[in-house]
Amino acid sequence: MNQKHRSPRSPVIVGLGMTEMGKVYGKSARQFAAEATRRAVSDAGLALADVDGLLVSAGVTNDVGLELQVDLNLRDLNVLSTMHAFGSSAGAMIQFASMAVEAGMAEVIVCAFGDAPLKEGKASGDVYSAKRRAPSGWSGLQRSTGAASPNMLYSLAARRHMITYGTTSEQLAAVAVAQRQWAMMNPLAQMRKPITVDDHQKSRIISDPFHLFDCCVVSNGGVAVVVTTAERAAHLQQPPVNVLGWAQSHPGTVLRRNDDFGLVTGAARSGPAAMAMAGVTTEDIDIVELYDCYTYTALVSLEDYGFCAKGEGGEFVATPGNIGPGGKLKVNTGGGQLSSYYMWGMTPLSEAIIQARGQAGERQQEQHDLVLVSGNGGILDHHSTLVLSS
């Protein structure tokens, strides 16, 4: 590992703030983001006056922006920006914050996220069925086929994987079951009732081949993370989490003439690049926190990162002793987005920080020195990867 080469200005995560999440009503996304920021700064043992950088990302509602600075009464910031690359945004924010503190642009940067898509009395599915402006060009052609929602588009990717490699619905179910087992040990998880493969198979179809338990939960809430230098972290109250490696990959295909759609994702490039920067390989990784908007997304990411061979993800996740609690590969130890909470890329990032700090309680892993964090968005077209170390 490259830790021995780290300088006083090397990037370190020192604060984590999380609001109540799930079916929480009465607050806007901006209010969630502000609350999470205050909690993260306090968690680090800092004050808002210490913050000189703010990066903001919003989820489905997209109503958290630069005005968060005013909400928090932050003055004379050296770094301020909104960042949007869908589910890869959280990883991208940490990357930008890391480069900024290394370069001396700022000393204490908050990466904040908030979302409030759920409305009391309305089904969570309504969140993604809102009317949008009339599509044109390629978007109009795509929607004319009926493939207009994330559920439909990701299900096409999953079906392509199934046809090509023989991946089965029961193998996807194994991902859902394993992550529910992790969620049962997470007091923040929305879904803590145990499920079986049979439960998965009997659950209703959302978009073939996806059953209900193949799809992530929908959540209101906020998460914020504080990044500073290793030198400053030494004097703060939380165990530092070192940011050793990072990378992004944005294929730019968006379903257009993409022979690899559903088979290979940008994680195949961002993963090796981030691990190379950190000076590690998959053999060194203790914990893997993946973006799992669907069971299939977790499966294909494991292949693309190299934890199993391409096309063998189904067999890998379905093999007892591989990915659940007590398994040889610790995957989505908080329950992920399938069972815990859906805060875009902040879901895998927050659990990675908790594990790296050694603060995960019942689900804490003894070996937690190296944690890989994955972000995905835009129907497999945006990816970010982080390698964190305790």
Protein backbone atom coordinates (compact mmCIF):
# COMPACT_ATOMS: atom_id res chain seq x y z
CA MET A 1 0.00 0.00 0.00
CA ASN A 2 0.98 3.59 -0.53
CA GLN A 3 0.23 4.76 3.02
CA LYS A 4 3.95 5.02 3.81
CA HIS A 5 4.21 7.72 1.12
CA ARG A 6 1.36 9.83 2.48
CA SER A 7 2.10 13.46 3.22
CA PRO A 8 0.68 15.81 5.88
CA ARG A 9 -1.77 17.07 3.24
CA SER A 10 -3.00 13.62 2.23
CA PRO A 11 -6.83 13.43 2.22
CA VAL A 12 -8.62 11.94 5.20
CA ILE A 13 -12.32 11.52 6.03
CA VAL A 14 -12.92 12.77 9.57
CA GLY A 15 -16.66 13.38 9.85
CA LEU A 16 -19.86 11.50 9.01
CA GLY A 17 -23.34 12.93 9.52
CA MET A 18 -26.52 10.94 8.90
CA THR A 19 -30.10 12.02 9.48
CA GLU A 20 -33.01 9.75 10.19
CA MET A 21 -33.77 8.03 6.88
CA GLY A 22 -36.64 6.23 5.24
CA LYS A 23 -40.29 7.25 5.47
CA VAL A 24 -39.46 10.51 7.22
CA TYR A 25 -41.78 13.36 6.32
CA GLY A 26 -42.01 17.07 6.97
CA LYS A 27 -38.51 18.07 5.85
CA SER A 28 -37.17 19.20 2.49
CA ALA A 29 -34.08 17.77 0.84
CA ARG A 30 -32.25 21.01 1.71
CA GLN A 31 -33.18 20.63 5.35
CA PHE A 32 -31.94 17.04 5.37
CA ALA A 33 -28.66 18.09 3.74
CA ALA A 34 -28.18 20.93 6.23
CA GLU A 35 -28.88 18.67 9.19
CA ALA A 36 -26.48 16.02 7.89
CA THR A 37 -23.79 18.67 7.42
CA ARG A 38 -24.14 19.95 10.96
CA ARG A 39 -23.93 16.40 12.27
CA ALA A 40 -20.86 15.58 10.18
CA VAL A 41 -18.98 18.69 11.30
CA SER A 42 -19.86 18.01 14.94
CA ASP A 43 -18.90 14.35 14.53
CA ALA A 44 -15.42 15.47 13.44
CA GLY A 45 -15.04 17.73 16.46
CA LEU A 46 -15.12 20.84 14.28
CA ALA A 47 -17.35 23.90 14.01
CA LEU A 48 -19.14 25.23 10.94
CA ALA A 49 -16.76 28.18 11.04
CA ASP A 50 -13.93 25.73 10.27
CA VAL A 51 -15.51 24.73 6.95
CA ASP A 52 -13.97 26.42 3.92
CA GLY A 53 -15.25 24.08 1.23
CA LEU A 54 -18.69 22.73 0.32
CA LEU A 55 -19.64 20.22 -2.37
CA VAL A 56 -23.33 19.52 -2.85
CA SER A 57 -25.23 16.69 -4.53
CA ALA A 58 -28.97 16.13 -4.74
CA GLY A 59 -30.93 12.98 -5.48
CA VAL A 60 -34.20 12.38 -7.28
CA THR A 61 -35.75 15.68 -6.24
CA ASN A 62 -32.65 17.65 -7.28
CA ASP A 63 -33.48 20.59 -5.01
CA VAL A 64 -30.25 20.94 -3.02
CA GLY A 65 -27.81 23.40 -4.53
CA LEU A 66 -25.42 26.23 -3.81
CA GLU A 67 -27.98 27.88 -1.55
CA LEU A 68 -27.00 25.32 1.11
CA GLN A 69 -24.08 27.63 1.89
CA VAL A 70 -26.54 30.35 2.92
CA ASP A 71 -28.71 27.89 4.85
CA LEU A 72 -25.65 26.99 6.93
CA ASN A 73 -24.32 30.56 7.13
CA LEU A 74 -20.97 29.48 5.73
CA ARG A 75 -18.77 32.47 4.84
CA ASP A 76 -15.72 32.98 2.64
CA LEU A 77 -15.59 29.50 1.16
CA ASN A 78 -12.58 28.60 -0.95
CA VAL A 79 -14.38 25.72 -2.70
CA LEU A 80 -18.07 25.63 -3.60
CA SER A 81 -19.79 23.55 -6.27
CA THR A 82 -22.70 21.29 -7.05
CA MET A 83 -21.80 17.91 -8.50
CA HIS A 84 -24.09 15.61 -10.42
CA ALA A 85 -23.19 12.26 -11.93
CA PHE A 86 -26.19 10.37 -10.56
CA GLY A 87 -25.19 7.53 -8.21
CA SER A 88 -21.49 8.08 -8.81
CA SER A 89 -21.69 11.63 -7.42
CA ALA A 90 -20.72 10.78 -3.84
CA GLY A 91 -17.49 9.11 -4.93
CA ALA A 92 -16.76 11.97 -7.30
CA MET A 93 -17.26 14.52 -4.50
CA ILE A 94 -14.79 12.70 -2.26
CA GLN A 95 -12.33 12.60 -5.15
CA PHE A 96 -12.63 16.34 -5.82
CA ALA A 97 -12.42 17.15 -2.10
CA SER A 98 -9.34 14.94 -1.78
CA MET A 99 -7.56 16.68 -4.65
CA ALA A 100 -8.57 20.08 -3.29
CA VAL A 101 -7.12 19.53 0.19
CA GLU A 102 -3.98 17.98 -1.28
CA ALA A 103 -3.51 21.04 -3.48
CA GLY A 104 -4.09 23.44 -0.59
CA MET A 105 -7.26 24.91 -2.06
CA ALA A 106 -9.12 24.29 1.21
CA GLU A 107 -8.61 22.73 4.63
CA VAL A 108 -12.05 21.37 5.61
CA ILE A 109 -14.49 20.35 2.87
CA VAL A 110 -18.00 19.02 3.44
CA CYS A 111 -19.58 16.73 0.85
CA ALA A 112 -23.34 16.92 1.40
CA PHE A 113 -26.31 15.01 0.00
CA GLY A 114 -30.03 15.32 0.65
CA ASP A 115 -33.17 13.87 -0.90
CA ALA A 116 -36.88 13.81 -0.07
CA PRO A 117 -38.75 12.02 -2.86
CA LEU A 118 -41.23 10.20 -0.63
CA LYS A 119 -44.55 11.91 0.03
CA GLU A 120 -46.89 10.84 2.79
CA GLY A 121 -49.84 8.86 1.48
CA LYS A 122 -48.21 8.17 -1.91
CA ALA A 123 -46.55 4.97 -3.08
CA SER A 124 -42.77 4.98 -3.45
CA GLY A 125 -43.19 3.94 -7.07
CA ASP A 126 -44.78 7.33 -7.80
CA VAL A 127 -41.37 8.93 -7.31
CA TYR A 128 -40.17 7.71 -10.68
CA SER A 129 -43.43 8.09 -12.60
CA ALA A 130 -43.66 11.88 -12.50
CA LYS A 131 -44.27 13.57 -15.86
CA ARG A 132 -41.20 15.00 -17.51
CA ARG A 133 -40.87 17.41 -20.38
CA ALA A 134 -41.54 16.01 -23.82
CA PRO A 135 -38.52 14.00 -25.01
CA SER A 136 -36.85 14.65 -28.34
CA GLY A 137 -34.11 13.11 -30.47
CA TRP A 138 -32.62 9.87 -29.16
CA SER A 139 -34.52 10.22 -25.88
CA GLY A 140 -37.81 10.40 -27.77
CA LEU A 141 -36.96 7.33 -29.84
CA GLN A 142 -35.99 5.40 -26.73
CA ARG A 143 -39.17 6.27 -24.86
CA SER A 144 -41.33 5.37 -27.84
CA THR A 145 -40.29 1.75 -27.22
CA GLY A 146 -41.80 1.91 -23.74
CA ALA A 147 -38.42 1.61 -22.01
CA ALA A 148 -38.79 4.86 -20.09
CA SER A 149 -38.00 4.13 -16.44
CA PRO A 150 -34.86 3.02 -14.56
CA ASN A 151 -36.62 -0.24 -13.67
CA MET A 152 -37.18 -1.04 -17.34
CA LEU A 153 -33.74 -0.01 -18.52
CA TYR A 154 -31.85 -1.87 -15.80
CA SER A 155 -34.06 -4.90 -16.38
CA LEU A 156 -32.94 -4.90 -20.02
CA ALA A 157 -29.33 -4.93 -18.85
CA ALA A 158 -30.02 -7.76 -16.43
CA ARG A 159 -31.81 -9.80 -19.10
CA ARG A 160 -28.85 -9.34 -21.46
CA HIS A 161 -26.56 -10.72 -18.74
CA MET A 162 -28.90 -13.65 -18.15
CA ILE A 163 -29.14 -14.54 -21.84
CA THR A 164 -25.39 -14.27 -22.38
CA TYR A 165 -24.09 -15.99 -19.26
CA GLY A 166 -26.98 -18.06 -17.99
CA THR A 167 -27.48 -15.94 -14.88
CA THR A 168 -30.75 -16.86 -13.15
CA SER A 169 -33.39 -15.09 -11.11
CA GLU A 170 -32.57 -17.36 -8.20
CA GLN A 171 -28.97 -16.13 -8.32
CA LEU A 172 -30.17 -12.53 -8.21
CA ALA A 173 -32.29 -13.55 -5.24
CA ALA A 174 -29.16 -14.70 -3.43
CA VAL A 175 -27.92 -11.10 -3.45
CA ALA A 176 -31.18 -9.83 -1.95
CA VAL A 177 -31.17 -12.52 0.74
CA ALA A 178 -27.53 -11.91 1.73
CA GLN A 179 -28.02 -8.16 2.00
CA ARG A 180 -31.17 -8.57 4.08
CA GLN A 181 -29.11 -10.72 6.46
CA TRP A 182 -26.66 -7.81 6.82
CA ALA A 183 -29.51 -5.32 7.25
CA MET A 184 -30.90 -7.29 10.17
CA MET A 185 -27.80 -6.19 12.10
CA ASN A 186 -28.13 -2.52 11.09
CA PRO A 187 -30.44 -0.41 13.28
CA LEU A 188 -30.64 2.23 10.51
CA ALA A 189 -31.94 -0.24 7.91
CA GLN A 190 -35.47 0.22 6.59
CA MET A 191 -35.99 -3.50 5.86
CA ARG A 192 -34.99 -5.86 8.66
CA LYS A 193 -37.36 -8.79 8.23
CA PRO A 194 -35.53 -11.91 6.99
CA ILE A 195 -36.30 -13.16 3.49
CA THR A 196 -35.55 -16.35 1.59
CA VAL A 197 -34.97 -17.13 -2.07
CA ASP A 198 -38.51 -18.48 -2.15
CA ASP A 199 -39.83 -15.18 -0.76
CA HIS A 200 -37.98 -13.40 -3.53
CA GLN A 201 -39.41 -15.66 -6.21
CA LYS A 202 -42.95 -15.17 -4.91
CA SER A 203 -42.69 -11.38 -4.72
CA ARG A 204 -44.39 -9.46 -7.50
CA ILE A 205 -42.68 -8.66 -10.79
CA ILE A 206 -41.67 -5.01 -11.11
CA SER A 207 -40.05 -5.18 -14.55
CA ASP A 208 -39.14 -8.60 -15.85
CA PRO A 209 -36.83 -10.17 -14.71
CA PHE A 210 -36.86 -7.99 -11.58
CA HIS A 211 -39.03 -8.98 -8.66
CA LEU A 212 -39.83 -6.58 -5.83
CA PHE A 213 -36.81 -7.71 -3.81
CA ASP A 214 -34.47 -7.08 -6.74
CA CYS A 215 -35.11 -3.33 -6.43
CA CYS A 216 -33.77 -0.82 -3.92
CA VAL A 217 -35.86 0.94 -1.31
CA VAL A 218 -36.75 4.65 -1.66
CA SER A 219 -35.73 6.96 1.18
CA ASN A 220 -35.92 10.51 2.47
CA GLY A 221 -32.87 11.75 4.36
CA GLY A 222 -29.40 13.21 4.19
CA VAL A 223 -25.75 12.19 4.55
CA ALA A 224 -22.66 14.39 4.74
CA VAL A 225 -18.94 13.64 4.93
CA VAL A 226 -16.03 15.86 6.02
CA VAL A 227 -12.67 15.64 4.24
CA THR A 228 -9.52 17.30 5.56
CA THR A 229 -5.75 16.72 5.65
CA ALA A 230 -3.97 13.93 7.52
CA GLU A 231 -2.15 16.59 9.55
CA ARG A 232 -5.35 18.15 10.80
CA ALA A 233 -7.06 14.80 11.29
CA ALA A 234 -4.46 13.84 13.88
CA HIS A 235 -5.97 16.40 16.26
CA LEU A 236 -9.65 15.55 15.76
CA GLN A 237 -11.95 13.21 17.63
CA GLN A 238 -12.77 10.42 15.15
CA PRO A 239 -10.54 7.61 13.83
CA PRO A 240 -9.25 8.92 10.48
CA VAL A 241 -10.28 7.15 7.28
CA ASN A 242 -7.59 7.57 4.64
CA VAL A 243 -8.54 8.11 1.01
CA LEU A 244 -5.89 6.05 -0.77
CA GLY A 245 -7.20 5.73 -4.29
CA TRP A 246 -9.89 7.03 -6.59
CA ALA A 247 -11.03 6.91 -10.20
CA GLN A 248 -14.02 7.53 -12.43
CA SER A 249 -15.27 6.06 -15.70
CA HIS A 250 -18.00 7.44 -17.95
CA PRO A 251 -18.42 5.25 -21.06
CA GLY A 252 -20.78 7.74 -22.76
CA THR A 253 -22.83 5.12 -24.56
CA VAL A 254 -26.22 5.73 -22.89
CA LEU A 255 -27.65 2.65 -24.62
CA ARG A 256 -26.36 3.74 -28.04
CA ARG A 257 -24.52 1.18 -30.16
CA ASN A 258 -23.15 -0.44 -27.05
CA ASP A 259 -22.20 -4.05 -27.68
CA ASP A 260 -21.30 -4.44 -23.99
CA PHE A 261 -24.58 -3.12 -22.54
CA GLY A 262 -25.50 -5.22 -19.53
CA LEU A 263 -22.27 -7.21 -19.75
CA VAL A 264 -19.49 -4.77 -18.86
CA THR A 265 -19.77 -1.48 -16.97
CA GLY A 266 -17.47 1.46 -16.27
CA ALA A 267 -16.49 -0.23 -13.02
CA ALA A 268 -14.16 -2.39 -15.13
CA ARG A 269 -12.03 0.72 -15.71
CA SER A 270 -12.54 2.78 -12.55
CA GLY A 271 -11.91 -0.17 -10.24
CA PRO A 272 -8.45 -1.19 -11.47
CA ALA A 273 -7.43 2.48 -11.75
CA ALA A 274 -8.41 3.27 -8.16
CA MET A 275 -6.75 0.15 -6.80
CA ALA A 276 -3.59 0.88 -8.78
CA MET A 277 -3.48 4.38 -7.31
CA ALA A 278 -3.82 2.88 -3.82
CA GLY A 279 -1.20 0.23 -4.58
CA VAL A 280 -3.55 -2.68 -3.83
CA THR A 281 -5.37 -5.50 -5.62
CA THR A 282 -8.67 -7.26 -5.05
CA GLU A 283 -6.80 -9.77 -2.88
CA ASP A 284 -6.02 -6.99 -0.40
CA ILE A 285 -9.59 -5.67 -0.07
CA ASP A 286 -11.30 -6.54 3.21
CA ILE A 287 -14.76 -5.07 2.62
CA VAL A 288 -16.68 -4.19 -0.55
CA GLU A 289 -19.45 -1.58 -0.48
CA LEU A 290 -21.24 -1.58 -3.84
CA TYR A 291 -23.91 0.57 -5.41
CA ASP A 292 -26.81 -1.87 -5.49
CA CYS A 293 -29.84 -0.10 -6.93
CA TYR A 294 -30.71 -3.59 -8.18
CA THR A 295 -29.42 -7.06 -7.33
CA TYR A 296 -28.03 -7.29 -10.85
CA THR A 297 -25.97 -4.11 -10.36
CA ALA A 298 -24.16 -5.62 -7.39
CA LEU A 299 -23.55 -8.84 -9.32
CA VAL A 300 -22.11 -7.22 -12.46
CA SER A 301 -19.97 -4.88 -10.34
CA LEU A 302 -18.38 -7.83 -8.55
CA GLU A 303 -17.42 -9.21 -11.96
CA ASP A 304 -16.11 -5.91 -13.29
CA TYR A 305 -13.99 -5.26 -10.19
CA GLY A 306 -12.45 -8.71 -10.60
CA PHE A 307 -13.76 -10.46 -7.50
CA CYS A 308 -14.97 -13.21 -9.81
CA ALA A 309 -14.59 -13.93 -13.51
CA LYS A 310 -16.80 -12.27 -16.11
CA GLY A 311 -20.00 -14.26 -16.49
CA GLU A 312 -19.50 -16.12 -13.21
CA GLY A 313 -21.14 -13.53 -10.96
CA GLY A 314 -24.36 -15.51 -10.65
CA GLU A 315 -22.60 -18.64 -9.46
CA PHE A 316 -20.36 -16.59 -7.17
CA VAL A 317 -23.16 -14.78 -5.30
CA ALA A 318 -25.29 -17.92 -5.03
CA THR A 319 -22.49 -20.04 -3.55
CA PRO A 320 -23.05 -20.33 0.22
CA GLY A 321 -20.28 -18.72 2.22
CA ASN A 322 -19.34 -16.11 -0.36
CA ILE A 323 -21.14 -12.80 0.25
CA GLY A 324 -23.43 -13.02 3.29
CA PRO A 325 -22.48 -12.49 6.95
CA GLY A 326 -19.54 -14.74 7.70
CA GLY A 327 -18.75 -15.09 4.01
CA LYS A 328 -15.28 -14.86 2.55
CA LEU A 329 -16.10 -11.56 0.79
CA LYS A 330 -17.81 -8.93 2.93
CA VAL A 331 -20.27 -7.24 0.55
CA ASN A 332 -22.63 -4.39 1.51
CA THR A 333 -22.31 -5.00 5.21
CA GLY A 334 -25.06 -2.55 6.16
CA GLY A 335 -27.71 -4.04 3.88
CA GLY A 336 -27.03 -1.74 0.96
CA GLN A 337 -29.70 0.11 -0.97
CA LEU A 338 -31.74 -3.07 -1.34
CA SER A 339 -32.53 -3.31 2.37
CA SER A 340 -30.95 -0.43 4.28
CA TYR A 341 -31.49 3.06 2.81
CA TYR A 342 -31.19 4.69 -0.59
CA MET A 343 -29.01 7.78 -0.44
CA TRP A 344 -27.48 7.33 -3.90
CA GLY A 345 -23.70 6.84 -3.61
CA MET A 346 -23.75 7.98 0.01
CA THR A 347 -25.20 4.58 0.98
CA PRO A 348 -22.06 2.52 0.22
CA LEU A 349 -19.79 5.41 1.27
CA SER A 350 -21.37 5.87 4.70
CA GLU A 351 -21.19 2.15 5.50
CA ALA A 352 -17.57 2.06 4.32
CA ILE A 353 -16.67 4.86 6.73
CA ILE A 354 -18.50 3.19 9.61
CA GLN A 355 -16.67 -0.10 8.98
CA ALA A 356 -13.27 1.53 8.49
CA ARG A 357 -13.70 3.34 11.81
CA GLY A 358 -14.62 0.10 13.55
CA GLN A 359 -17.98 1.50 14.66
CA ALA A 360 -20.47 -0.89 13.03
CA GLY A 361 -21.51 -2.69 16.21
CA GLU A 362 -22.92 -6.18 15.67
CA ARG A 363 -21.99 -6.19 11.98
CA GLN A 364 -18.46 -4.84 12.45
CA GLN A 365 -15.82 -6.81 10.56
CA GLU A 366 -12.57 -7.64 12.34
CA GLN A 367 -10.56 -7.08 9.17
CA HIS A 368 -11.44 -3.58 7.97
CA ASP A 369 -8.17 -2.01 6.90
CA LEU A 370 -9.08 -1.69 3.21
CA VAL A 371 -12.56 -0.90 1.93
CA LEU A 372 -13.57 -0.53 -1.71
CA VAL A 373 -16.52 1.78 -2.44
CA SER A 374 -18.41 1.79 -5.73
CA GLY A 375 -20.82 4.33 -7.22
CA ASN A 376 -22.97 3.81 -10.32
CA GLY A 377 -25.48 5.94 -12.17
CA GLY A 378 -27.16 6.84 -15.42
CA ILE A 379 -28.10 3.26 -16.36
CA LEU A 380 -24.54 1.93 -15.97
CA ASP A 381 -22.96 4.95 -17.67
CA HIS A 382 -21.28 6.72 -14.74
CA HIS A 383 -18.95 5.09 -12.23
CA SER A 384 -16.76 6.13 -9.35
CA THR A 385 -14.47 4.02 -7.19
CA LEU A 386 -12.77 4.79 -3.89
CA VAL A 387 -10.26 2.81 -1.87
CA LEU A 388 -10.40 3.75 1.80
CA SER A 389 -8.17 2.63 4.67
CA SER A 390 -8.44 2.72 8.43
